[in-house]
Each structure stands twice: as structure tokens, then as C-alpha cells.
Amino acid sequence: MMVPPLSERPVTEEDEEQFRRESMPRTYTLRQRWADYRAEARANRPKGVKARVRAWLHVEPFYWGMRVTYVVLVVGAVFAVYINGVANGWWHAWGDKPTIAATTPTARPAPSASSPTDAAMSGGYQIGPDGVLVRPAEHAASTYTKPELPEEAKENTERGAELAAEYLLDTLTYAWNTGDTQPFEDITQPGKEFRETYIQNVNELYSHGWMYDNTSTVTGIVKVTPADKEKYPEAEPKTILVVFDIETNNGTACVDQSIIVSEGKFPSRLFIFMTWKDGRWIETAAGVTHDTQS
């Protein structure tokens, strides 16, 4: 049987050129793929609100599971931002209501130089030459004793790691109350987020303020165990995971000419990786969460 030709028209040079163009491999960018996907989605989208809601609800269980997973991930991300903000001092914990004794003025008044009795005052505090409220002498940084590392914390044991972690918490409290971050720096590994964030926050506060009566107390020892490499692949060798339940009070802080007084204590859970390096324990990772039930 004779097969009829596809076209009776003779093939021209223009036809050949078009064929060559169409047969050449195309560069299909992600932008083009996304545009094609959006165009197809709009074309297949049900008309009307009810139809769209019905189509969204009537999906296979697999896609319902995916949607629930996305919601959980978003909620977890928001919660993580909240925890990180409280830990870094960006905002206060839920239920921790600060009271403002003085508001920051739009311009710092020049200090009076006439006599000590005529010194500028704000909210019961004297304004210093730098425009920052003067710290009360009874709460001066010199009234705080620098923490000392216990001898047992110098031993390569789980108990030594636990005591070194408690000392780490003491150095952080000392840094907030005095502005001296050196002891905290000495027991933490440079470049780690936990270390660098707290050093930066303390230095930022003391560049135009101060703090006293900050406390963090261990209320429970949740776990002291070698870090599981399968669960924590980022953990370095010879690392002990120490988990504490703690209660914290931010005390009284001054920022420029504002006094912020924290009321009450709030609980949290502190996770610390203590790693034995160069004959001593050093923090290599840490984090804080307000979920003390996990």
C-alpha cells in the first residue's frame, strides 16, 4: 500500500532552517520552568471560592501529611526565632514584664558642671558625663566576685564536664553583671554562635549602659552523657552533652537613660556541648529553649 506524503509542498531552505532551530537543544531556565508551571496552574485553577476550597480539601492523605508537615515546620521556625530572641536579649520572655523607670529623651542633656549638688537627674538616677545614668555604687561591678573553675572541673570525666558547664553559666552571669566577658571567652570556643552572640550583646549593653542583679540558677541536672554521633553528627570527638534546667532573672538594666527592671524568674533549659581539648573542657556548642518538658 502506498503511503501518502505528509505535504505536497516542496521543502524550502526556510523549512530546513526552521527545523534546525527547533531541533537544537534549548536552554530551559528555572525562571521559564516556573513561568510555565504558573501558567498551567492558573489555567487549571477551579473557578470561584467554593470550588477552590473544595479542591484544596479533597486531596490524597499523602498531600494532607505534607501540608501538616509544612505547618509544623513554620510554627517550629517561629518558635525558634522567639527562643533565640529571648536568649540573645532581643526581647523579653513571655510573662517577664519589664517596667520602665525613665524614658530615653530625644537628645541627651549636657551634664551640669556648676556643682555636684546641681547634677542632672533622671528617674532618681544621676546622669553621667557620657549621658548615661550613673550606676549605683552598692551595685558596682567591683562588688561581684569573679567565678573560679573547680579543681574537679579540670578532670577528663563526665563529672568534670558537668562542673565546667556550671562554671560556664557562672561566667555568663558574671559578664552580664560586670561587663567583663574574659572568663566566658576563656571557656568557650571562638567562632561559635553561642559565644560570639553573648559577647557582642554584653559589649553592646555596656557601651551605653549597665546591668546588675542578673541571676541564672541551675534547678535540675537533666542529662550528662557522651554526645551521640548519630543524633548529633556535628559534635566533636570527646564531647559530653550537659543539659540543665535553669531559672533566670534579668535583674536591673540601664540603656542610656532608661531603667528596665525585670520582675520574677523564668524557667528555661540549657544544652551545652563540653569538649575535652588540650587538657581542659571547653564549650563547643550551646543553646537555650523554654520547653522544659522535653
C-alpha atoms as a PDB file:
ATOM      1  CA  MET A   1       0.000   0.000   0.000  1.00  0.00           C
ATOM      2  CA  MET A   2       1.275   3.412  -0.911  1.00  0.00           C
ATOM      3  CA  VAL A   3       1.839   5.831   1.994  1.00  0.00           C
ATOM      4  CA  PRO A   4       0.691   9.356   1.096  1.00  0.00           C
ATOM      5  CA  PRO A   5       3.148  12.210   1.596  1.00  0.00           C
ATOM      6  CA  LEU A   6       2.717  14.461   4.653  1.00  0.00           C
ATOM      7  CA  SER A   7       2.711  17.518   2.447  1.00  0.00           C
ATOM      8  CA  GLU A   8       2.621  18.147  -1.247  1.00  0.00           C
ATOM      9  CA  ARG A   9       4.508  21.428  -0.776  1.00  0.00           C
ATOM     10  CA  PRO A  10       8.223  21.213  -1.663  1.00  0.00           C
ATOM     11  CA  VAL A  11      10.710  21.653   1.194  1.00  0.00           C
ATOM     12  CA  THR A  12      12.387  25.053   1.012  1.00  0.00           C
ATOM     13  CA  GLU A  13      15.534  26.423   2.626  1.00  0.00           C
ATOM     14  CA  GLU A  14      13.344  28.298   5.122  1.00  0.00           C
ATOM     15  CA  ASP A  15      11.782  24.985   6.182  1.00  0.00           C
ATOM     16  CA  GLU A  16      15.198  23.429   6.726  1.00  0.00           C
ATOM     17  CA  GLU A  17      16.338  26.441   8.739  1.00  0.00           C
ATOM     18  CA  GLN A  18      13.245  26.269  10.934  1.00  0.00           C
ATOM     19  CA  PHE A  19      13.777  22.550  11.500  1.00  0.00           C
ATOM     20  CA  ARG A  20      17.387  23.160  12.558  1.00  0.00           C
ATOM     21  CA  ARG A  21      16.291  25.852  15.013  1.00  0.00           C
ATOM     22  CA  GLU A  22      13.592  23.692  16.527  1.00  0.00           C
ATOM     23  CA  SER A  23      15.799  20.614  16.793  1.00  0.00           C
ATOM     24  CA  MET A  24      18.608  22.452  18.610  1.00  0.00           C
ATOM     25  CA  PRO A  25      18.750  21.860  22.398  1.00  0.00           C
ATOM     26  CA  ARG A  26      17.053  24.680  24.309  1.00  0.00           C
ATOM     27  CA  THR A  27      18.202  26.345  27.483  1.00  0.00           C
ATOM     28  CA  TYR A  28      15.246  25.842  29.785  1.00  0.00           C
ATOM     29  CA  THR A  29      15.923  28.062  32.793  1.00  0.00           C
ATOM     30  CA  LEU A  30      14.335  27.787  36.218  1.00  0.00           C
ATOM     31  CA  ARG A  31      12.571  31.095  35.587  1.00  0.00           C
ATOM     32  CA  GLN A  32      10.987  29.672  32.407  1.00  0.00           C
ATOM     33  CA  ARG A  33      10.011  26.471  34.203  1.00  0.00           C
ATOM     34  CA  TRP A  34       8.383  28.491  36.978  1.00  0.00           C
ATOM     35  CA  ALA A  35       6.533  30.656  34.426  1.00  0.00           C
ATOM     36  CA  ASP A  36       5.234  27.569  32.624  1.00  0.00           C
ATOM     37  CA  TYR A  37       4.162  25.998  35.913  1.00  0.00           C
ATOM     38  CA  ARG A  38       2.332  29.162  36.996  1.00  0.00           C
ATOM     39  CA  ALA A  39       0.597  29.423  33.632  1.00  0.00           C
ATOM     40  CA  GLU A  40      -0.548  25.805  33.808  1.00  0.00           C
ATOM     41  CA  ALA A  41      -1.680  26.218  37.436  1.00  0.00           C
ATOM     42  CA  ARG A  42      -3.750  29.303  36.568  1.00  0.00           C
ATOM     43  CA  ALA A  43      -5.317  27.525  33.604  1.00  0.00           C
ATOM     44  CA  ASN A  44      -6.318  24.521  35.740  1.00  0.00           C
ATOM     45  CA  ARG A  45      -7.392  26.513  38.809  1.00  0.00           C
ATOM     46  CA  PRO A  46     -11.069  25.988  39.716  1.00  0.00           C
ATOM     47  CA  LYS A  47     -13.333  28.986  39.227  1.00  0.00           C
ATOM     48  CA  GLY A  48     -14.895  30.506  42.314  1.00  0.00           C
ATOM     49  CA  VAL A  49     -14.012  30.454  46.012  1.00  0.00           C
ATOM     50  CA  LYS A  50     -16.125  27.401  46.895  1.00  0.00           C
ATOM     51  CA  ALA A  51     -14.642  25.350  44.085  1.00  0.00           C
ATOM     52  CA  ARG A  52     -11.096  26.273  45.125  1.00  0.00           C
ATOM     53  CA  VAL A  53     -11.752  25.408  48.793  1.00  0.00           C
ATOM     54  CA  ARG A  54     -13.354  22.094  47.778  1.00  0.00           C
ATOM     55  CA  ALA A  55     -10.393  21.267  45.536  1.00  0.00           C
ATOM     56  CA  TRP A  56      -7.961  22.162  48.331  1.00  0.00           C
ATOM     57  CA  LEU A  57      -9.750  19.914  50.834  1.00  0.00           C
ATOM     58  CA  HIS A  58     -10.233  16.893  48.577  1.00  0.00           C
ATOM     59  CA  VAL A  59      -6.668  15.668  48.254  1.00  0.00           C
ATOM     60  CA  GLU A  60      -4.930  12.389  48.948  1.00  0.00           C
ATOM     61  CA  PRO A  61      -3.736  11.604  52.506  1.00  0.00           C
ATOM     62  CA  PHE A  62      -0.130  11.994  51.372  1.00  0.00           C
ATOM     63  CA  TYR A  63      -0.669  15.650  50.472  1.00  0.00           C
ATOM     64  CA  TRP A  64      -2.545  16.267  53.726  1.00  0.00           C
ATOM     65  CA  GLY A  65       0.515  14.913  55.514  1.00  0.00           C
ATOM     66  CA  MET A  66       2.753  17.252  53.538  1.00  0.00           C
ATOM     67  CA  ARG A  67       0.576  20.242  54.447  1.00  0.00           C
ATOM     68  CA  VAL A  68       0.616  19.353  58.127  1.00  0.00           C
ATOM     69  CA  THR A  69       4.401  18.992  57.927  1.00  0.00           C
ATOM     70  CA  TYR A  70       4.744  22.452  56.386  1.00  0.00           C
ATOM     71  CA  VAL A  71       2.584  23.987  59.119  1.00  0.00           C
ATOM     72  CA  VAL A  72       4.640  22.285  61.854  1.00  0.00           C
ATOM     73  CA  LEU A  73       7.880  23.487  60.249  1.00  0.00           C
ATOM     74  CA  VAL A  74       6.628  27.075  60.066  1.00  0.00           C
ATOM     75  CA  VAL A  75       5.457  27.016  63.689  1.00  0.00           C
ATOM     76  CA  GLY A  76       8.788  25.495  64.747  1.00  0.00           C
ATOM     77  CA  ALA A  77      10.711  28.188  62.872  1.00  0.00           C
ATOM     78  CA  VAL A  78       8.701  30.967  64.561  1.00  0.00           C
ATOM     79  CA  PHE A  79       9.240  29.340  67.966  1.00  0.00           C
ATOM     80  CA  ALA A  80      12.981  29.019  67.304  1.00  0.00           C
ATOM     81  CA  VAL A  81      13.180  32.747  66.456  1.00  0.00           C
ATOM     82  CA  TYR A  82      11.325  33.542  69.695  1.00  0.00           C
ATOM     83  CA  ILE A  83      13.694  31.380  71.778  1.00  0.00           C
ATOM     84  CA  ASN A  84      16.765  32.837  70.096  1.00  0.00           C
ATOM     85  CA  GLY A  85      15.483  36.366  70.683  1.00  0.00           C
ATOM     86  CA  VAL A  86      14.926  35.770  74.403  1.00  0.00           C
ATOM     87  CA  ALA A  87      18.310  34.068  74.771  1.00  0.00           C
ATOM     88  CA  ASN A  88      20.085  36.935  72.993  1.00  0.00           C
ATOM     89  CA  GLY A  89      18.204  39.650  74.842  1.00  0.00           C
ATOM     90  CA  TRP A  90      16.352  40.961  71.771  1.00  0.00           C
ATOM     91  CA  TRP A  91      13.029  40.791  73.654  1.00  0.00           C
ATOM     92  CA  HIS A  92      11.692  39.562  76.988  1.00  0.00           C
ATOM     93  CA  ALA A  93      10.281  36.139  77.711  1.00  0.00           C
ATOM     94  CA  TRP A  94       6.552  35.586  77.885  1.00  0.00           C
ATOM     95  CA  GLY A  95       5.375  36.725  81.342  1.00  0.00           C
ATOM     96  CA  ASP A  96       8.536  38.709  82.030  1.00  0.00           C
ATOM     97  CA  LYS A  97       7.154  42.244  82.269  1.00  0.00           C
ATOM     98  CA  PRO A  98       9.804  44.969  82.488  1.00  0.00           C
ATOM     99  CA  THR A  99       8.973  48.326  83.988  1.00  0.00           C
ATOM    100  CA  ILE A 100      10.462  51.489  82.584  1.00  0.00           C
ATOM    101  CA  ALA A 101      11.612  53.945  85.205  1.00  0.00           C
ATOM    102  CA  ALA A 102      12.773  56.589  82.752  1.00  0.00           C
ATOM    103  CA  THR A 103      12.349  57.049  79.031  1.00  0.00           C
ATOM    104  CA  THR A 104      15.183  57.868  76.679  1.00  0.00           C
ATOM    105  CA  PRO A 105      14.998  61.515  75.623  1.00  0.00           C
ATOM    106  CA  THR A 106      15.389  62.573  72.016  1.00  0.00           C
ATOM    107  CA  ALA A 107      18.616  64.394  72.872  1.00  0.00           C
ATOM    108  CA  ARG A 108      20.980  63.846  75.788  1.00  0.00           C
ATOM    109  CA  PRO A 109      21.199  66.908  78.031  1.00  0.00           C
ATOM    110  CA  ALA A 110      24.647  68.268  78.665  1.00  0.00           C
ATOM    111  CA  PRO A 111      25.891  67.442  82.191  1.00  0.00           C
ATOM    112  CA  SER A 112      25.887  70.262  84.662  1.00  0.00           C
ATOM    113  CA  ALA A 113      29.331  71.484  85.635  1.00  0.00           C
ATOM    114  CA  SER A 114      28.279  74.069  88.219  1.00  0.00           C
ATOM    115  CA  SER A 115      28.401  71.886  91.347  1.00  0.00           C
ATOM    116  CA  PRO A 116      27.860  68.253  92.431  1.00  0.00           C
ATOM    117  CA  THR A 117      24.535  69.178  94.056  1.00  0.00           C
ATOM    118  CA  ASP A 118      23.259  70.551  90.746  1.00  0.00           C
ATOM    119  CA  ALA A 119      23.999  67.364  88.778  1.00  0.00           C
ATOM    120  CA  ALA A 120      21.370  66.431  86.176  1.00  0.00           C
ATOM    121  CA  MET A 121      18.978  63.725  87.359  1.00  0.00           C
ATOM    122  CA  SER A 122      16.558  61.351  85.664  1.00  0.00           C
ATOM    123  CA  GLY A 123      14.195  58.967  87.428  1.00  0.00           C
ATOM    124  CA  GLY A 124      16.196  59.276  90.652  1.00  0.00           C
ATOM    125  CA  TYR A 125      19.488  58.491  88.884  1.00  0.00           C
ATOM    126  CA  GLN A 126      22.257  60.973  88.224  1.00  0.00           C
ATOM    127  CA  ILE A 127      23.148  61.465  84.564  1.00  0.00           C
ATOM    128  CA  GLY A 128      26.849  60.896  83.934  1.00  0.00           C
ATOM    129  CA  PRO A 129      29.170  62.927  81.694  1.00  0.00           C
ATOM    130  CA  ASP A 130      28.568  60.484  78.827  1.00  0.00           C
ATOM    131  CA  GLY A 131      24.794  60.973  79.054  1.00  0.00           C
ATOM    132  CA  VAL A 132      24.244  57.535  80.645  1.00  0.00           C
ATOM    133  CA  LEU A 133      22.673  57.128  84.082  1.00  0.00           C
ATOM    134  CA  VAL A 134      25.271  56.556  86.797  1.00  0.00           C
ATOM    135  CA  ARG A 135      25.309  53.003  88.196  1.00  0.00           C
ATOM    136  CA  PRO A 136      24.538  52.820  91.926  1.00  0.00           C
ATOM    137  CA  ALA A 137      27.715  52.333  93.950  1.00  0.00           C
ATOM    138  CA  GLU A 138      26.197  49.494  96.011  1.00  0.00           C
ATOM    139  CA  HIS A 139      25.728  47.540  92.767  1.00  0.00           C
ATOM    140  CA  ALA A 140      29.074  48.407  91.181  1.00  0.00           C
ATOM    141  CA  ALA A 141      30.842  45.815  89.043  1.00  0.00           C
ATOM    142  CA  SER A 142      33.550  45.557  91.706  1.00  0.00           C
ATOM    143  CA  THR A 143      31.017  44.060  94.140  1.00  0.00           C
ATOM    144  CA  TYR A 144      30.844  40.857  92.052  1.00  0.00           C
ATOM    145  CA  THR A 145      33.401  38.100  92.621  1.00  0.00           C
ATOM    146  CA  LYS A 146      34.954  36.530  89.536  1.00  0.00           C
ATOM    147  CA  PRO A 147      33.951  32.841  89.368  1.00  0.00           C
ATOM    148  CA  GLU A 148      36.654  30.201  89.812  1.00  0.00           C
ATOM    149  CA  LEU A 149      36.851  26.881  87.961  1.00  0.00           C
ATOM    150  CA  PRO A 150      36.615  23.984  90.474  1.00  0.00           C
ATOM    151  CA  GLU A 151      39.537  21.592  90.573  1.00  0.00           C
ATOM    152  CA  GLU A 152      37.256  18.645  89.718  1.00  0.00           C
ATOM    153  CA  ALA A 153      36.167  20.529  86.582  1.00  0.00           C
ATOM    154  CA  LYS A 154      39.720  20.176  85.309  1.00  0.00           C
ATOM    155  CA  GLU A 155      39.424  16.369  85.117  1.00  0.00           C
ATOM    156  CA  ASN A 156      38.521  14.414  81.974  1.00  0.00           C
ATOM    157  CA  THR A 157      35.367  12.861  83.433  1.00  0.00           C
ATOM    158  CA  GLU A 158      31.633  13.338  82.988  1.00  0.00           C
ATOM    159  CA  ARG A 159      31.540  14.978  86.410  1.00  0.00           C
ATOM    160  CA  GLY A 160      34.310  17.311  85.287  1.00  0.00           C
ATOM    161  CA  ALA A 161      32.311  18.258  82.191  1.00  0.00           C
ATOM    162  CA  GLU A 162      29.221  18.896  84.328  1.00  0.00           C
ATOM    163  CA  LEU A 163      31.094  21.212  86.725  1.00  0.00           C
ATOM    164  CA  ALA A 164      32.763  23.002  83.815  1.00  0.00           C
ATOM    165  CA  ALA A 165      29.303  23.616  82.318  1.00  0.00           C
ATOM    166  CA  GLU A 166      28.092  25.076  85.632  1.00  0.00           C
ATOM    167  CA  TYR A 167      31.165  27.301  85.684  1.00  0.00           C
ATOM    168  CA  LEU A 168      30.355  28.388  82.121  1.00  0.00           C
ATOM    169  CA  LEU A 169      26.906  29.548  83.280  1.00  0.00           C
ATOM    170  CA  ASP A 170      28.523  31.444  86.180  1.00  0.00           C
ATOM    171  CA  THR A 171      30.904  33.262  83.807  1.00  0.00           C
ATOM    172  CA  LEU A 172      27.974  34.338  81.630  1.00  0.00           C
ATOM    173  CA  THR A 173      26.105  35.750  84.651  1.00  0.00           C
ATOM    174  CA  TYR A 174      29.309  37.482  85.754  1.00  0.00           C
ATOM    175  CA  ALA A 175      29.679  39.016  82.291  1.00  0.00           C
ATOM    176  CA  TRP A 176      26.157  40.476  82.379  1.00  0.00           C
ATOM    177  CA  ASN A 177      26.683  41.970  85.857  1.00  0.00           C
ATOM    178  CA  THR A 178      30.163  43.412  85.248  1.00  0.00           C
ATOM    179  CA  GLY A 179      30.745  43.768  81.507  1.00  0.00           C
ATOM    180  CA  ASP A 180      33.832  41.525  81.851  1.00  0.00           C
ATOM    181  CA  THR A 181      33.482  38.756  79.259  1.00  0.00           C
ATOM    182  CA  GLN A 182      37.026  37.378  79.580  1.00  0.00           C
ATOM    183  CA  PRO A 183      36.217  34.373  81.832  1.00  0.00           C
ATOM    184  CA  PHE A 184      33.336  33.457  79.488  1.00  0.00           C
ATOM    185  CA  GLU A 185      35.622  33.805  76.452  1.00  0.00           C
ATOM    186  CA  ASP A 186      38.266  31.567  78.049  1.00  0.00           C
ATOM    187  CA  ILE A 187      35.938  28.556  78.373  1.00  0.00           C
ATOM    188  CA  THR A 188      34.148  28.892  75.032  1.00  0.00           C
ATOM    189  CA  GLN A 189      35.443  28.089  71.563  1.00  0.00           C
ATOM    190  CA  PRO A 190      35.998  31.131  69.308  1.00  0.00           C
ATOM    191  CA  GLY A 191      33.763  31.464  66.283  1.00  0.00           C
ATOM    192  CA  LYS A 192      30.793  29.606  67.755  1.00  0.00           C
ATOM    193  CA  GLU A 193      27.428  31.385  67.565  1.00  0.00           C
ATOM    194  CA  PHE A 194      26.561  30.971  71.253  1.00  0.00           C
ATOM    195  CA  ARG A 195      29.846  32.536  72.324  1.00  0.00           C
ATOM    196  CA  GLU A 196      30.048  35.378  69.824  1.00  0.00           C
ATOM    197  CA  THR A 197      26.391  36.397  70.250  1.00  0.00           C
ATOM    198  CA  TYR A 198      26.615  36.774  74.027  1.00  0.00           C
ATOM    199  CA  ILE A 199      29.937  38.614  73.897  1.00  0.00           C
ATOM    200  CA  GLN A 200      28.501  41.027  71.343  1.00  0.00           C
ATOM    201  CA  ASN A 201      25.325  41.587  73.390  1.00  0.00           C
ATOM    202  CA  VAL A 202      27.209  42.257  76.628  1.00  0.00           C
ATOM    203  CA  ASN A 203      29.626  44.653  74.943  1.00  0.00           C
ATOM    204  CA  GLU A 204      26.750  46.432  73.214  1.00  0.00           C
ATOM    205  CA  LEU A 205      24.921  46.920  76.530  1.00  0.00           C
ATOM    206  CA  TYR A 206      27.988  48.254  78.343  1.00  0.00           C
ATOM    207  CA  SER A 207      28.816  50.654  75.519  1.00  0.00           C
ATOM    208  CA  HIS A 208      25.878  52.785  76.703  1.00  0.00           C
ATOM    209  CA  GLY A 209      24.527  51.159  79.852  1.00  0.00           C
ATOM    210  CA  TRP A 210      24.995  48.524  82.548  1.00  0.00           C
ATOM    211  CA  MET A 211      23.246  45.694  84.431  1.00  0.00           C
ATOM    212  CA  TYR A 212      23.181  44.270  87.937  1.00  0.00           C
ATOM    213  CA  ASP A 213      21.338  41.516  89.888  1.00  0.00           C
ATOM    214  CA  ASN A 214      21.257  39.223  86.839  1.00  0.00           C
ATOM    215  CA  THR A 215      20.994  35.616  88.049  1.00  0.00           C
ATOM    216  CA  SER A 216      20.836  32.147  86.479  1.00  0.00           C
ATOM    217  CA  THR A 217      20.454  29.212  88.845  1.00  0.00           C
ATOM    218  CA  VAL A 218      20.604  25.502  87.991  1.00  0.00           C
ATOM    219  CA  THR A 219      17.369  23.915  89.250  1.00  0.00           C
ATOM    220  CA  GLY A 220      17.915  20.469  87.785  1.00  0.00           C
ATOM    221  CA  ILE A 221      20.501  18.319  86.017  1.00  0.00           C
ATOM    222  CA  VAL A 222      18.598  16.706  83.152  1.00  0.00           C
ATOM    223  CA  LYS A 223      21.382  14.840  81.371  1.00  0.00           C
ATOM    224  CA  VAL A 224      25.152  14.354  81.397  1.00  0.00           C
ATOM    225  CA  THR A 225      26.195  11.863  78.730  1.00  0.00           C
ATOM    226  CA  PRO A 226      28.635  11.412  75.825  1.00  0.00           C
ATOM    227  CA  ALA A 227      27.201  13.082  72.706  1.00  0.00           C
ATOM    228  CA  ASP A 228      25.612  10.521  70.385  1.00  0.00           C
ATOM    229  CA  LYS A 229      27.318  10.887  66.984  1.00  0.00           C
ATOM    230  CA  GLU A 230      24.260   9.534  65.155  1.00  0.00           C
ATOM    231  CA  LYS A 231      21.963  12.038  66.852  1.00  0.00           C
ATOM    232  CA  TYR A 232      24.487  14.883  66.919  1.00  0.00           C
ATOM    233  CA  PRO A 233      26.793  14.399  63.909  1.00  0.00           C
ATOM    234  CA  GLU A 234      28.171  17.922  64.378  1.00  0.00           C
ATOM    235  CA  ALA A 235      29.543  17.071  67.836  1.00  0.00           C
ATOM    236  CA  GLU A 236      33.314  16.912  68.030  1.00  0.00           C
ATOM    237  CA  PRO A 237      35.151  13.882  69.471  1.00  0.00           C
ATOM    238  CA  LYS A 238      35.382  13.631  73.278  1.00  0.00           C
ATOM    239  CA  THR A 239      32.224  15.710  73.725  1.00  0.00           C
ATOM    240  CA  ILE A 240      29.842  15.445  76.678  1.00  0.00           C
ATOM    241  CA  LEU A 241      26.269  16.707  76.355  1.00  0.00           C
ATOM    242  CA  VAL A 242      25.191  18.535  79.521  1.00  0.00           C
ATOM    243  CA  VAL A 243      21.554  19.591  79.909  1.00  0.00           C
ATOM    244  CA  PHE A 244      20.442  21.848  82.774  1.00  0.00           C
ATOM    245  CA  ASP A 245      17.084  23.229  83.841  1.00  0.00           C
ATOM    246  CA  ILE A 246      17.700  26.797  84.990  1.00  0.00           C
ATOM    247  CA  GLU A 247      15.805  29.806  86.361  1.00  0.00           C
ATOM    248  CA  THR A 248      16.851  33.249  85.213  1.00  0.00           C
ATOM    249  CA  ASN A 249      16.135  36.795  86.319  1.00  0.00           C
ATOM    250  CA  ASN A 250      17.458  39.596  84.145  1.00  0.00           C
ATOM    251  CA  GLY A 251      17.809  41.933  87.121  1.00  0.00           C
ATOM    252  CA  THR A 252      18.043  45.673  86.550  1.00  0.00           C
ATOM    253  CA  ALA A 253      19.449  47.103  83.338  1.00  0.00           C
ATOM    254  CA  CYS A 254      20.207  50.610  82.156  1.00  0.00           C
ATOM    255  CA  VAL A 255      20.175  51.586  78.487  1.00  0.00           C
ATOM    256  CA  ASP A 256      21.204  55.231  78.042  1.00  0.00           C
ATOM    257  CA  GLN A 257      18.705  56.945  80.380  1.00  0.00           C
ATOM    258  CA  SER A 258      16.181  54.110  80.650  1.00  0.00           C
ATOM    259  CA  ILE A 259      15.979  51.743  83.619  1.00  0.00           C
ATOM    260  CA  ILE A 260      14.468  48.314  82.933  1.00  0.00           C
ATOM    261  CA  VAL A 261      13.575  46.181  85.942  1.00  0.00           C
ATOM    262  CA  SER A 262      12.714  42.516  85.311  1.00  0.00           C
ATOM    263  CA  GLU A 263      10.078  41.047  87.603  1.00  0.00           C
ATOM    264  CA  GLY A 264      10.195  37.387  88.586  1.00  0.00           C
ATOM    265  CA  LYS A 265      12.143  34.439  87.252  1.00  0.00           C
ATOM    266  CA  PHE A 266      11.517  32.455  84.074  1.00  0.00           C
ATOM    267  CA  PRO A 267      12.500  28.807  83.531  1.00  0.00           C
ATOM    268  CA  SER A 268      14.475  27.513  80.562  1.00  0.00           C
ATOM    269  CA  ARG A 269      16.588  24.552  79.516  1.00  0.00           C
ATOM    270  CA  LEU A 270      20.261  24.935  78.653  1.00  0.00           C
ATOM    271  CA  PHE A 271      22.024  22.486  76.300  1.00  0.00           C
ATOM    272  CA  ILE A 272      25.835  22.577  76.320  1.00  0.00           C
ATOM    273  CA  PHE A 273      28.425  20.553  74.407  1.00  0.00           C
ATOM    274  CA  MET A 274      31.564  20.400  76.563  1.00  0.00           C
ATOM    275  CA  THR A 275      34.561  19.051  74.614  1.00  0.00           C
ATOM    276  CA  TRP A 276      37.868  17.890  76.110  1.00  0.00           C
ATOM    277  CA  LYS A 277      40.604  19.774  74.222  1.00  0.00           C
ATOM    278  CA  ASP A 278      44.217  20.490  75.073  1.00  0.00           C
ATOM    279  CA  GLY A 279      43.787  19.118  78.572  1.00  0.00           C
ATOM    280  CA  ARG A 280      40.684  21.089  79.536  1.00  0.00           C
ATOM    281  CA  TRP A 281      36.926  21.331  78.980  1.00  0.00           C
ATOM    282  CA  ILE A 282      35.668  23.923  76.508  1.00  0.00           C
ATOM    283  CA  GLU A 283      32.177  24.713  75.216  1.00  0.00           C
ATOM    284  CA  THR A 284      31.842  23.923  71.505  1.00  0.00           C
ATOM    285  CA  ALA A 285      28.072  24.424  71.090  1.00  0.00           C
ATOM    286  CA  ALA A 286      25.141  25.503  73.218  1.00  0.00           C
ATOM    287  CA  GLY A 287      21.511  26.523  73.014  1.00  0.00           C
ATOM    288  CA  VAL A 288      18.568  27.579  75.173  1.00  0.00           C
ATOM    289  CA  THR A 289      14.928  26.533  74.998  1.00  0.00           C
ATOM    290  CA  HIS A 290      11.907  27.374  77.142  1.00  0.00           C
ATOM    291  CA  ASP A 291      10.440  23.901  76.707  1.00  0.00           C
ATOM    292  CA  THR A 292      11.480  22.249  79.982  1.00  0.00           C
ATOM    293  CA  GLN A 293       9.229  19.220  79.449  1.00  0.00           C
ATOM    294  CA  SER A 294      11.142  17.614  76.534  1.00  0.00           C
END
